[in-house]
Amino acid sequence: IRTRRISSHFYLCGDEVSDSAAGLGLISARVL
């Protein structure tokens, strides 16, 4: 999980890959 600067005023946080809809649960610690 990282923070990435997409443009001058837009930042994106996360791994940009995992999706709960793909069968992966949302676990409290990683969401936090």
PDB file of all heavy atoms in Angstrom:
ATOM      1  N   ILE A   1       0.867  -1.187   0.000  1.00  0.00           N
ATOM      2  CA  ILE A   1       0.000   0.000   0.000  1.00  0.00           C
ATOM      3  C   ILE A   1       0.895   1.225   0.000  1.00  0.00           C
ATOM      4  O   ILE A   1       1.809   1.347   0.820  1.00  0.00           O
ATOM      5  CB  ILE A   1      -0.947  -0.010   1.212  1.00  0.00           C
ATOM      6  CG1 ILE A   1      -1.958  -1.143   1.067  1.00  0.00           C
ATOM      7  CG2 ILE A   1      -1.659   1.336   1.362  1.00  0.00           C
ATOM      8  CD1 ILE A   1      -2.895  -1.291   2.250  1.00  0.00           C
ATOM      9  N   ARG A   2       0.643   2.128  -0.903  1.00  0.00           N
ATOM     10  CA  ARG A   2       1.486   3.313  -1.042  1.00  0.00           C
ATOM     11  C   ARG A   2       0.626   4.514  -1.407  1.00  0.00           C
ATOM     12  O   ARG A   2      -0.548   4.377  -1.739  1.00  0.00           O
ATOM     13  CB  ARG A   2       2.536   3.097  -2.138  1.00  0.00           C
ATOM     14  CG  ARG A   2       1.931   2.806  -3.500  1.00  0.00           C
ATOM     15  CD  ARG A   2       2.991   2.692  -4.571  1.00  0.00           C
ATOM     16  NE  ARG A   2       2.393   2.471  -5.883  1.00  0.00           N
ATOM     17  CZ  ARG A   2       2.992   2.761  -7.030  1.00  0.00           C
ATOM     18  NH1 ARG A   2       4.199   3.301  -7.025  1.00  0.00           N
ATOM     19  NH2 ARG A   2       2.396   2.526  -8.178  1.00  0.00           N
ATOM     20  N   THR A   3       1.228   5.672  -1.359  1.00  0.00           N
ATOM     21  CA  THR A   3       0.589   6.906  -1.818  1.00  0.00           C
ATOM     22  C   THR A   3       1.313   7.366  -3.074  1.00  0.00           C
ATOM     23  O   THR A   3       2.538   7.437  -3.093  1.00  0.00           O
ATOM     24  CB  THR A   3       0.675   8.002  -0.748  1.00  0.00           C
ATOM     25  OG1 THR A   3       0.012   7.550   0.441  1.00  0.00           O
ATOM     26  CG2 THR A   3       0.011   9.292  -1.228  1.00  0.00           C
ATOM     27  N   ARG A   4       0.529   7.655  -4.112  1.00  0.00           N
ATOM     28  CA  ARG A   4       1.120   8.047  -5.388  1.00  0.00           C
ATOM     29  C   ARG A   4       0.495   9.364  -5.859  1.00  0.00           C
ATOM     30  O   ARG A   4      -0.716   9.546  -5.760  1.00  0.00           O
ATOM     31  CB  ARG A   4       0.888   6.955  -6.426  1.00  0.00           C
ATOM     32  CG  ARG A   4       1.650   7.123  -7.713  1.00  0.00           C
ATOM     33  CD  ARG A   4       1.746   5.797  -8.443  1.00  0.00           C
ATOM     34  NE  ARG A   4       0.463   5.309  -8.902  1.00  0.00           N
ATOM     35  CZ  ARG A   4      -0.042   5.561 -10.120  1.00  0.00           C
ATOM     36  NH1 ARG A   4       0.634   6.312 -10.976  1.00  0.00           N
ATOM     37  NH2 ARG A   4      -1.206   5.070 -10.476  1.00  0.00           N
ATOM     38  N   ARG A   5       1.314  10.254  -6.358  1.00  0.00           N
ATOM     39  CA  ARG A   5       0.827  11.520  -6.905  1.00  0.00           C
ATOM     40  C   ARG A   5       0.487  11.307  -8.379  1.00  0.00           C
ATOM     41  O   ARG A   5       1.364  11.046  -9.202  1.00  0.00           O
ATOM     42  CB  ARG A   5       1.895  12.606  -6.747  1.00  0.00           C
ATOM     43  CG  ARG A   5       1.411  13.994  -7.121  1.00  0.00           C
ATOM     44  CD  ARG A   5       2.520  15.018  -6.879  1.00  0.00           C
ATOM     45  NE  ARG A   5       2.050  16.372  -7.109  1.00  0.00           N
ATOM     46  CZ  ARG A   5       2.798  17.454  -6.930  1.00  0.00           C
ATOM     47  NH1 ARG A   5       4.061  17.330  -6.523  1.00  0.00           N
ATOM     48  NH2 ARG A   5       2.312  18.662  -7.147  1.00  0.00           N
ATOM     49  N   ILE A   6      -0.807  11.436  -8.697  1.00  0.00           N
ATOM     50  CA  ILE A   6      -1.263  11.195 -10.067  1.00  0.00           C
ATOM     51  C   ILE A   6      -1.109  12.452 -10.904  1.00  0.00           C
ATOM     52  O   ILE A   6      -0.716  12.398 -12.074  1.00  0.00           O
ATOM     53  CB  ILE A   6      -2.736  10.733 -10.073  1.00  0.00           C
ATOM     54  CG1 ILE A   6      -2.911   9.496  -9.171  1.00  0.00           C
ATOM     55  CG2 ILE A   6      -3.203  10.439 -11.487  1.00  0.00           C
ATOM     56  CD1 ILE A   6      -2.108   8.294  -9.582  1.00  0.00           C
ATOM     57  N   SER A   7      -1.453  13.595 -10.331  1.00  0.00           N
ATOM     58  CA  SER A   7      -1.307  14.887 -10.998  1.00  0.00           C
ATOM     59  C   SER A   7      -1.065  15.932  -9.924  1.00  0.00           C
ATOM     60  O   SER A   7      -0.952  15.612  -8.742  1.00  0.00           O
ATOM     61  CB  SER A   7      -2.543  15.223 -11.837  1.00  0.00           C
ATOM     62  OG  SER A   7      -3.695  15.352 -11.016  1.00  0.00           O
ATOM     63  N   SER A   8      -1.025  17.188 -10.306  1.00  0.00           N
ATOM     64  CA  SER A   8      -0.642  18.235  -9.349  1.00  0.00           C
ATOM     65  C   SER A   8      -1.549  18.303  -8.129  1.00  0.00           C
ATOM     66  O   SER A   8      -1.104  18.654  -7.035  1.00  0.00           O
ATOM     67  CB  SER A   8      -0.619  19.599 -10.053  1.00  0.00           C
ATOM     68  OG  SER A   8      -1.918  19.944 -10.503  1.00  0.00           O
ATOM     69  N   HIS A   9      -2.834  17.952  -8.291  1.00  0.00           N
ATOM     70  CA  HIS A   9      -3.783  18.063  -7.189  1.00  0.00           C
ATOM     71  C   HIS A   9      -4.506  16.754  -6.876  1.00  0.00           C
ATOM     72  O   HIS A   9      -5.499  16.760  -6.146  1.00  0.00           O
ATOM     73  CB  HIS A   9      -4.815  19.161  -7.490  1.00  0.00           C
ATOM     74  CG  HIS A   9      -4.273  20.544  -7.321  1.00  0.00           C
ATOM     75  ND1 HIS A   9      -3.301  21.062  -8.133  1.00  0.00           N
ATOM     76  CD2 HIS A   9      -4.557  21.510  -6.405  1.00  0.00           C
ATOM     77  CE1 HIS A   9      -3.017  22.300  -7.757  1.00  0.00           C
ATOM     78  NE2 HIS A   9      -3.752  22.592  -6.702  1.00  0.00           N
ATOM     79  N   PHE A  10      -4.023  15.637  -7.405  1.00  0.00           N
ATOM     80  CA  PHE A  10      -4.713  14.351  -7.246  1.00  0.00           C
ATOM     81  C   PHE A  10      -3.733  13.294  -6.756  1.00  0.00           C
ATOM     82  O   PHE A  10      -2.710  13.040  -7.391  1.00  0.00           O
ATOM     83  CB  PHE A  10      -5.338  13.945  -8.589  1.00  0.00           C
ATOM     84  CG  PHE A  10      -6.036  12.609  -8.583  1.00  0.00           C
ATOM     85  CD1 PHE A  10      -6.639  12.105  -7.446  1.00  0.00           C
ATOM     86  CD2 PHE A  10      -6.099  11.852  -9.755  1.00  0.00           C
ATOM     87  CE1 PHE A  10      -7.285  10.883  -7.448  1.00  0.00           C
ATOM     88  CE2 PHE A  10      -6.739  10.629  -9.773  1.00  0.00           C
ATOM     89  CZ  PHE A  10      -7.331  10.133  -8.615  1.00  0.00           C
ATOM     90  N   TYR A  11      -4.076  12.675  -5.606  1.00  0.00           N
ATOM     91  CA  TYR A  11      -3.245  11.651  -4.987  1.00  0.00           C
ATOM     92  C   TYR A  11      -4.062  10.378  -4.801  1.00  0.00           C
ATOM     93  O   TYR A  11      -5.257  10.432  -4.484  1.00  0.00           O
ATOM     94  CB  TYR A  11      -2.731  12.133  -3.631  1.00  0.00           C
ATOM     95  CG  TYR A  11      -1.810  13.317  -3.726  1.00  0.00           C
ATOM     96  CD1 TYR A  11      -2.312  14.602  -3.948  1.00  0.00           C
ATOM     97  CD2 TYR A  11      -0.436  13.178  -3.612  1.00  0.00           C
ATOM     98  CE1 TYR A  11      -1.473  15.701  -4.047  1.00  0.00           C
ATOM     99  CE2 TYR A  11       0.421  14.267  -3.702  1.00  0.00           C
ATOM    100  CZ  TYR A  11      -0.108  15.531  -3.930  1.00  0.00           C
ATOM    101  OH  TYR A  11       0.733  16.599  -4.030  1.00  0.00           O
ATOM    102  N   LEU A  12      -3.407   9.222  -4.978  1.00  0.00           N
ATOM    103  CA  LEU A  12      -4.089   7.933  -4.885  1.00  0.00           C
ATOM    104  C   LEU A  12      -3.350   7.044  -3.897  1.00  0.00           C
ATOM    105  O   LEU A  12      -2.128   6.861  -3.990  1.00  0.00           O
ATOM    106  CB  LEU A  12      -4.137   7.259  -6.258  1.00  0.00           C
ATOM    107  CG  LEU A  12      -4.978   5.988  -6.370  1.00  0.00           C
ATOM    108  CD1 LEU A  12      -6.454   6.291  -6.076  1.00  0.00           C
ATOM    109  CD2 LEU A  12      -4.827   5.384  -7.763  1.00  0.00           C
ATOM    110  N   CYS A  13      -4.115   6.473  -2.945  1.00  0.00           N
ATOM    111  CA  CYS A  13      -3.553   5.608  -1.914  1.00  0.00           C
ATOM    112  C   CYS A  13      -4.089   4.187  -2.076  1.00  0.00           C
ATOM    113  O   CYS A  13      -5.253   3.999  -2.419  1.00  0.00           O
ATOM    114  CB  CYS A  13      -3.925   6.117  -0.529  1.00  0.00           C
ATOM    115  SG  CYS A  13      -3.465   7.844  -0.212  1.00  0.00           S
ATOM    116  N   GLY A  14      -3.239   3.196  -1.825  1.00  0.00           N
ATOM    117  CA  GLY A  14      -3.648   1.802  -1.915  1.00  0.00           C
ATOM    118  C   GLY A  14      -2.656   0.994  -2.718  1.00  0.00           C
ATOM    119  O   GLY A  14      -1.617   1.498  -3.131  1.00  0.00           O
ATOM    120  N   ASP A  15      -2.980  -0.302  -2.950  1.00  0.00           N
ATOM    121  CA  ASP A  15      -2.095  -1.116  -3.778  1.00  0.00           C
ATOM    122  C   ASP A  15      -2.508  -1.089  -5.246  1.00  0.00           C
ATOM    123  O   ASP A  15      -1.794  -1.601  -6.103  1.00  0.00           O
ATOM    124  CB  ASP A  15      -2.026  -2.554  -3.256  1.00  0.00           C
ATOM    125  CG  ASP A  15      -3.370  -3.282  -3.285  1.00  0.00           C
ATOM    126  OD1 ASP A  15      -4.227  -2.972  -4.124  1.00  0.00           O
ATOM    127  OD2 ASP A  15      -3.549  -4.197  -2.453  1.00  0.00           O
ATOM    128  N   GLU A  16      -3.700  -0.503  -5.516  1.00  0.00           N
ATOM    129  CA  GLU A  16      -4.229  -0.319  -6.875  1.00  0.00           C
ATOM    130  C   GLU A  16      -4.477  -1.648  -7.588  1.00  0.00           C
ATOM    131  O   GLU A  16      -4.608  -1.689  -8.810  1.00  0.00           O
ATOM    132  CB  GLU A  16      -3.313   0.577  -7.704  1.00  0.00           C
ATOM    133  CG  GLU A  16      -3.123   1.963  -7.116  1.00  0.00           C
ATOM    134  CD  GLU A  16      -2.231   2.844  -7.951  1.00  0.00           C
ATOM    135  OE1 GLU A  16      -2.390   2.856  -9.191  1.00  0.00           O
ATOM    136  OE2 GLU A  16      -1.353   3.534  -7.369  1.00  0.00           O
ATOM    137  N   VAL A  17      -4.559  -2.744  -6.818  1.00  0.00           N
ATOM    138  CA  VAL A  17      -4.747  -4.074  -7.414  1.00  0.00           C
ATOM    139  C   VAL A  17      -5.892  -4.824  -6.755  1.00  0.00           C
ATOM    140  O   VAL A  17      -6.818  -5.282  -7.422  1.00  0.00           O
ATOM    141  CB  VAL A  17      -3.447  -4.914  -7.305  1.00  0.00           C
ATOM    142  CG1 VAL A  17      -3.689  -6.331  -7.842  1.00  0.00           C
ATOM    143  CG2 VAL A  17      -2.309  -4.250  -8.055  1.00  0.00           C
ATOM    144  N   SER A  18      -5.844  -4.995  -5.436  1.00  0.00           N
ATOM    145  CA  SER A  18      -6.792  -5.863  -4.746  1.00  0.00           C
ATOM    146  C   SER A  18      -8.197  -5.279  -4.767  1.00  0.00           C
ATOM    147  O   SER A  18      -8.391  -4.073  -4.652  1.00  0.00           O
ATOM    148  CB  SER A  18      -6.342  -6.096  -3.298  1.00  0.00           C
ATOM    149  OG  SER A  18      -6.286  -4.883  -2.583  1.00  0.00           O
ATOM    150  N   ASP A  19      -9.174  -6.165  -4.916  1.00  0.00           N
ATOM    151  CA  ASP A  19     -10.574  -5.764  -5.004  1.00  0.00           C
ATOM    152  C   ASP A  19     -11.403  -6.790  -4.255  1.00  0.00           C
ATOM    153  O   ASP A  19     -11.347  -7.987  -4.552  1.00  0.00           O
ATOM    154  CB  ASP A  19     -11.004  -5.697  -6.474  1.00  0.00           C
ATOM    155  CG  ASP A  19     -12.420  -5.172  -6.658  1.00  0.00           C
ATOM    156  OD1 ASP A  19     -13.127  -5.006  -5.645  1.00  0.00           O
ATOM    157  OD2 ASP A  19     -12.804  -4.928  -7.806  1.00  0.00           O
ATOM    158  N   SER A  20     -12.198  -6.352  -3.302  1.00  0.00           N
ATOM    159  CA  SER A  20     -13.002  -7.282  -2.506  1.00  0.00           C
ATOM    160  C   SER A  20     -13.977  -8.073  -3.361  1.00  0.00           C
ATOM    161  O   SER A  20     -14.360  -9.186  -3.016  1.00  0.00           O
ATOM    162  CB  SER A  20     -13.759  -6.530  -1.412  1.00  0.00           C
ATOM    163  OG  SER A  20     -14.639  -5.578  -1.983  1.00  0.00           O
ATOM    164  N   ALA A  21     -14.376  -7.528  -4.500  1.00  0.00           N
ATOM    165  CA  ALA A  21     -15.315  -8.223  -5.381  1.00  0.00           C
ATOM    166  C   ALA A  21     -14.689  -9.453  -6.016  1.00  0.00           C
ATOM    167  O   ALA A  21     -15.374 -10.317  -6.522  1.00  0.00           O
ATOM    168  CB  ALA A  21     -15.809  -7.278  -6.470  1.00  0.00           C
ATOM    169  N   ALA A  22     -13.348  -9.530  -5.966  1.00  0.00           N
ATOM    170  CA  ALA A  22     -12.658 -10.670  -6.576  1.00  0.00           C
ATOM    171  C   ALA A  22     -12.492 -11.814  -5.588  1.00  0.00           C
ATOM    172  O   ALA A  22     -11.732 -12.745  -5.845  1.00  0.00           O
ATOM    173  CB  ALA A  22     -11.293 -10.225  -7.096  1.00  0.00           C
ATOM    174  N   GLY A  23     -13.210 -11.762  -4.474  1.00  0.00           N
ATOM    175  CA  GLY A  23     -13.155 -12.838  -3.497  1.00  0.00           C
ATOM    176  C   GLY A  23     -12.227 -12.572  -2.341  1.00  0.00           C
ATOM    177  O   GLY A  23     -12.018 -13.446  -1.491  1.00  0.00           O
ATOM    178  N   LEU A  24     -11.661 -11.401  -2.272  1.00  0.00           N
ATOM    179  CA  LEU A  24     -10.787 -11.032  -1.167  1.00  0.00           C
ATOM    180  C   LEU A  24     -11.583 -10.243  -0.138  1.00  0.00           C
ATOM    181  O   LEU A  24     -12.287  -9.300  -0.491  1.00  0.00           O
ATOM    182  CB  LEU A  24      -9.616 -10.182  -1.676  1.00  0.00           C
ATOM    183  CG  LEU A  24      -8.673 -10.844  -2.673  1.00  0.00           C
ATOM    184  CD1 LEU A  24      -7.704  -9.817  -3.233  1.00  0.00           C
ATOM    185  CD2 LEU A  24      -7.910 -11.982  -2.021  1.00  0.00           C
ATOM    186  N   GLY A  25     -11.440 -10.628   1.122  1.00  0.00           N
ATOM    187  CA  GLY A  25     -12.175  -9.927   2.155  1.00  0.00           C
ATOM    188  C   GLY A  25     -11.530  -8.598   2.516  1.00  0.00           C
ATOM    189  O   GLY A  25     -10.356  -8.362   2.239  1.00  0.00           O
ATOM    190  N   LEU A  26     -12.323  -7.725   3.127  1.00  0.00           N
ATOM    191  CA  LEU A  26     -11.814  -6.463   3.653  1.00  0.00           C
ATOM    192  C   LEU A  26     -11.459  -6.683   5.117  1.00  0.00           C
ATOM    193  O   LEU A  26     -12.332  -6.872   5.958  1.00  0.00           O
ATOM    194  CB  LEU A  26     -12.861  -5.361   3.495  1.00  0.00           C
ATOM    195  CG  LEU A  26     -13.124  -4.926   2.047  1.00  0.00           C
ATOM    196  CD1 LEU A  26     -14.375  -4.058   1.975  1.00  0.00           C
ATOM    197  CD2 LEU A  26     -11.927  -4.164   1.491  1.00  0.00           C
ATOM    198  N   ILE A  27     -10.162  -6.694   5.403  1.00  0.00           N
ATOM    199  CA  ILE A  27      -9.661  -6.984   6.739  1.00  0.00           C
ATOM    200  C   ILE A  27      -9.326  -5.667   7.434  1.00  0.00           C
ATOM    201  O   ILE A  27      -8.708  -4.775   6.860  1.00  0.00           O
ATOM    202  CB  ILE A  27      -8.398  -7.861   6.669  1.00  0.00           C
ATOM    203  CG1 ILE A  27      -8.649  -9.081   5.780  1.00  0.00           C
ATOM    204  CG2 ILE A  27      -7.965  -8.284   8.063  1.00  0.00           C
ATOM    205  CD1 ILE A  27      -9.734 -10.014   6.271  1.00  0.00           C
ATOM    206  N   SER A  28      -9.710  -5.563   8.699  1.00  0.00           N
ATOM    207  CA  SER A  28      -9.650  -4.285   9.399  1.00  0.00           C
ATOM    208  C   SER A  28      -8.262  -3.642   9.347  1.00  0.00           C
ATOM    209  O   SER A  28      -8.141  -2.446   9.054  1.00  0.00           O
ATOM    210  CB  SER A  28     -10.076  -4.460  10.857  1.00  0.00           C
ATOM    211  OG  SER A  28      -9.257  -5.418  11.514  1.00  0.00           O
ATOM    212  N   ALA A  29      -7.217  -4.414   9.627  1.00  0.00           N
ATOM    213  CA  ALA A  29      -5.887  -3.813   9.736  1.00  0.00           C
ATOM    214  C   ALA A  29      -5.418  -3.239   8.406  1.00  0.00           C
ATOM    215  O   ALA A  29      -4.843  -2.149   8.357  1.00  0.00           O
ATOM    216  CB  ALA A  29      -4.889  -4.848  10.248  1.00  0.00           C
ATOM    217  N   ARG A  30      -5.648  -3.967   7.306  1.00  0.00           N
ATOM    218  CA  ARG A  30      -5.147  -3.489   6.008  1.00  0.00           C
ATOM    219  C   ARG A  30      -5.966  -2.293   5.513  1.00  0.00           C
ATOM    220  O   ARG A  30      -5.421  -1.371   4.904  1.00  0.00           O
ATOM    221  CB  ARG A  30      -5.151  -4.616   4.977  1.00  0.00           C
ATOM    222  CG  ARG A  30      -4.234  -4.340   3.786  1.00  0.00           C
ATOM    223  CD  ARG A  30      -3.859  -5.623   3.069  1.00  0.00           C
ATOM    224  NE  ARG A  30      -2.805  -5.374   2.096  1.00  0.00           N
ATOM    225  CZ  ARG A  30      -3.021  -5.058   0.826  1.00  0.00           C
ATOM    226  NH1 ARG A  30      -4.255  -4.925   0.380  1.00  0.00           N
ATOM    227  NH2 ARG A  30      -2.010  -4.855  -0.001  1.00  0.00           N
ATOM    228  N   VAL A  31      -7.253  -2.302   5.766  1.00  0.00           N
ATOM    229  CA  VAL A  31      -8.076  -1.136   5.432  1.00  0.00           C
ATOM    230  C   VAL A  31      -7.595   0.068   6.220  1.00  0.00           C
ATOM    231  O   VAL A  31      -7.500   1.183   5.693  1.00  0.00           O
ATOM    232  CB  VAL A  31      -9.566  -1.428   5.702  1.00  0.00           C
ATOM    233  CG1 VAL A  31     -10.401  -0.158   5.551  1.00  0.00           C
ATOM    234  CG2 VAL A  31     -10.082  -2.513   4.764  1.00  0.00           C
ATOM    235  N   LEU A  32      -7.256  -0.134   7.484  1.00  0.00           N
ATOM    236  CA  LEU A  32      -6.778   0.954   8.329  1.00  0.00           C
ATOM    237  C   LEU A  32      -5.452   1.509   7.821  1.00  0.00           C
ATOM    238  O   LEU A  32      -5.216   2.727   7.887  1.00  0.00           O
ATOM    239  CB  LEU A  32      -6.634   0.468   9.772  1.00  0.00           C
ATOM    240  CG  LEU A  32      -6.198   1.493  10.821  1.00  0.00           C
ATOM    241  CD1 LEU A  32      -7.150   2.679  10.855  1.00  0.00           C
ATOM    242  CD2 LEU A  32      -6.109   0.838  12.193  1.00  0.00           C
TER     243      LEU A  32
END
